[in-house]
Amino acid sequence: MQPPATVDPTRINLQSTIAVNYWCQVLKCSETQLRNAVLAVGPLPADVRTYLDR
């Protein structure tokens, strides 16, 4: 899935509704799960994916 032009593919920006919706789709998680993961491991998508997969 190609990110929208306004979404940084290298970082998860929780301040952007578009980014949150995109990353929830890509990572197949809820917004709450995404927010908790970013708070736990930071905004890098690879780290968030690993956290969510555990």
N, C-alpha and C. Protein backbone atom coordinates (compact mmCIF):
# COMPACT_ATOMS: atom_id res chain seq x y z
N MET A 1 0.85 -1.18 0.00
CA MET A 1 0.00 0.00 0.00
C MET A 1 0.89 1.24 0.00
N GLN A 2 0.65 2.11 -0.93
CA GLN A 2 1.41 3.35 -1.05
C GLN A 2 0.84 4.39 -0.08
N PRO A 3 1.70 5.02 0.74
CA PRO A 3 1.17 6.04 1.67
C PRO A 3 0.70 7.28 0.92
N PRO A 4 -0.31 7.96 1.46
CA PRO A 4 -0.71 9.24 0.87
C PRO A 4 0.47 10.21 0.88
N ALA A 5 0.44 11.18 0.02
CA ALA A 5 1.54 12.14 -0.11
C ALA A 5 1.84 12.86 1.19
N THR A 6 0.85 13.01 2.04
CA THR A 6 1.04 13.75 3.30
C THR A 6 1.57 12.88 4.44
N VAL A 7 1.77 11.57 4.19
CA VAL A 7 2.22 10.66 5.24
C VAL A 7 3.71 10.35 5.05
N ASP A 8 4.49 10.55 6.11
CA ASP A 8 5.91 10.21 6.11
C ASP A 8 6.03 8.70 6.28
N PRO A 9 6.58 7.99 5.31
CA PRO A 9 6.67 6.53 5.41
C PRO A 9 7.74 6.04 6.40
N THR A 10 8.54 6.96 6.94
CA THR A 10 9.61 6.55 7.84
C THR A 10 9.28 6.76 9.31
N ARG A 11 8.17 7.44 9.61
CA ARG A 11 7.79 7.74 10.99
C ARG A 11 6.28 7.73 11.12
N ILE A 12 5.79 7.31 12.27
CA ILE A 12 4.35 7.32 12.54
C ILE A 12 4.03 8.59 13.31
N ASN A 13 3.25 9.45 12.68
CA ASN A 13 2.88 10.73 13.28
C ASN A 13 1.48 10.61 13.86
N LEU A 14 1.40 10.54 15.19
CA LEU A 14 0.10 10.38 15.85
C LEU A 14 -0.72 11.66 15.84
N GLN A 15 -0.14 12.77 15.41
CA GLN A 15 -0.87 14.04 15.36
C GLN A 15 -1.67 14.18 14.07
N SER A 16 -1.44 13.31 13.11
CA SER A 16 -2.11 13.37 11.81
C SER A 16 -3.15 12.26 11.70
N THR A 17 -4.41 12.64 11.53
CA THR A 17 -5.48 11.66 11.37
C THR A 17 -5.25 10.79 10.15
N ILE A 18 -4.78 11.40 9.06
CA ILE A 18 -4.52 10.64 7.84
C ILE A 18 -3.42 9.60 8.08
N ALA A 19 -2.37 10.00 8.78
CA ALA A 19 -1.27 9.07 9.07
C ALA A 19 -1.74 7.94 10.00
N VAL A 20 -2.50 8.27 11.01
CA VAL A 20 -3.00 7.26 11.95
C VAL A 20 -3.86 6.24 11.19
N ASN A 21 -4.77 6.73 10.36
CA ASN A 21 -5.63 5.83 9.59
C ASN A 21 -4.81 4.94 8.65
N TYR A 22 -3.82 5.53 7.99
CA TYR A 22 -2.95 4.77 7.09
C TYR A 22 -2.21 3.68 7.85
N TRP A 23 -1.56 4.04 8.95
CA TRP A 23 -0.76 3.05 9.69
C TRP A 23 -1.63 1.98 10.33
N CYS A 24 -2.84 2.32 10.74
CA CYS A 24 -3.75 1.30 11.28
C CYS A 24 -4.09 0.27 10.20
N GLN A 25 -4.30 0.73 8.99
CA GLN A 25 -4.57 -0.19 7.88
C GLN A 25 -3.36 -1.05 7.57
N VAL A 26 -2.21 -0.43 7.46
CA VAL A 26 -0.98 -1.15 7.11
C VAL A 26 -0.62 -2.18 8.18
N LEU A 27 -0.73 -1.79 9.43
CA LEU A 27 -0.32 -2.66 10.53
C LEU A 27 -1.46 -3.54 11.06
N LYS A 28 -2.66 -3.36 10.49
CA LYS A 28 -3.82 -4.16 10.88
C LYS A 28 -4.05 -4.11 12.39
N CYS A 29 -4.20 -2.89 12.89
CA CYS A 29 -4.41 -2.70 14.32
C CYS A 29 -5.41 -1.57 14.54
N SER A 30 -5.85 -1.45 15.77
CA SER A 30 -6.75 -0.36 16.11
C SER A 30 -5.94 0.91 16.39
N GLU A 31 -6.62 2.03 16.45
CA GLU A 31 -5.93 3.28 16.78
C GLU A 31 -5.34 3.21 18.18
N THR A 32 -6.05 2.63 19.11
CA THR A 32 -5.53 2.50 20.48
C THR A 32 -4.27 1.64 20.51
N GLN A 33 -4.29 0.53 19.78
CA GLN A 33 -3.10 -0.33 19.73
C GLN A 33 -1.92 0.43 19.12
N LEU A 34 -2.19 1.18 18.06
CA LEU A 34 -1.13 1.95 17.41
C LEU A 34 -0.55 2.99 18.36
N ARG A 35 -1.41 3.73 19.01
CA ARG A 35 -0.95 4.77 19.95
C ARG A 35 -0.15 4.16 21.09
N ASN A 36 -0.61 3.05 21.64
CA ASN A 36 0.12 2.40 22.73
C ASN A 36 1.48 1.89 22.27
N ALA A 37 1.53 1.35 21.06
CA ALA A 37 2.80 0.85 20.52
C ALA A 37 3.79 1.98 20.32
N VAL A 38 3.33 3.09 19.74
CA VAL A 38 4.23 4.24 19.52
C VAL A 38 4.72 4.79 20.85
N LEU A 39 3.85 4.85 21.83
CA LEU A 39 4.28 5.32 23.16
C LEU A 39 5.30 4.37 23.77
N ALA A 40 5.18 3.08 23.50
CA ALA A 40 6.07 2.09 24.09
C ALA A 40 7.43 2.02 23.40
N VAL A 41 7.45 2.10 22.06
CA VAL A 41 8.71 1.85 21.34
C VAL A 41 9.16 2.99 20.43
N GLY A 42 8.35 4.04 20.28
CA GLY A 42 8.73 5.15 19.43
C GLY A 42 8.03 5.10 18.08
N PRO A 43 8.33 6.09 17.21
CA PRO A 43 7.57 6.26 15.98
C PRO A 43 8.08 5.50 14.74
N LEU A 44 9.08 4.67 14.89
CA LEU A 44 9.60 3.96 13.72
C LEU A 44 8.70 2.76 13.39
N PRO A 45 8.21 2.70 12.15
CA PRO A 45 7.27 1.64 11.78
C PRO A 45 7.78 0.22 12.05
N ALA A 46 9.05 -0.05 11.81
CA ALA A 46 9.58 -1.40 12.04
C ALA A 46 9.50 -1.78 13.52
N ASP A 47 9.81 -0.83 14.40
CA ASP A 47 9.73 -1.10 15.83
C ASP A 47 8.29 -1.30 16.27
N VAL A 48 7.38 -0.51 15.72
CA VAL A 48 5.96 -0.64 16.07
C VAL A 48 5.43 -1.98 15.58
N ARG A 49 5.81 -2.38 14.36
CA ARG A 49 5.36 -3.68 13.83
C ARG A 49 5.83 -4.82 14.72
N THR A 50 7.10 -4.78 15.13
CA THR A 50 7.64 -5.82 16.01
C THR A 50 6.88 -5.86 17.32
N TYR A 51 6.61 -4.70 17.89
CA TYR A 51 5.87 -4.60 19.15
C TYR A 51 4.47 -5.20 18.99
N LEU A 52 3.79 -4.85 17.91
CA LEU A 52 2.42 -5.35 17.71
C LEU A 52 2.39 -6.84 17.42
N ASP A 53 3.44 -7.38 16.83
CA ASP A 53 3.49 -8.80 16.48
C ASP A 53 3.84 -9.70 17.65
N ARG A 54 4.23 -9.13 18.76
CA ARG A 54 4.65 -9.99 19.89
C ARG A 54 3.47 -10.55 20.65
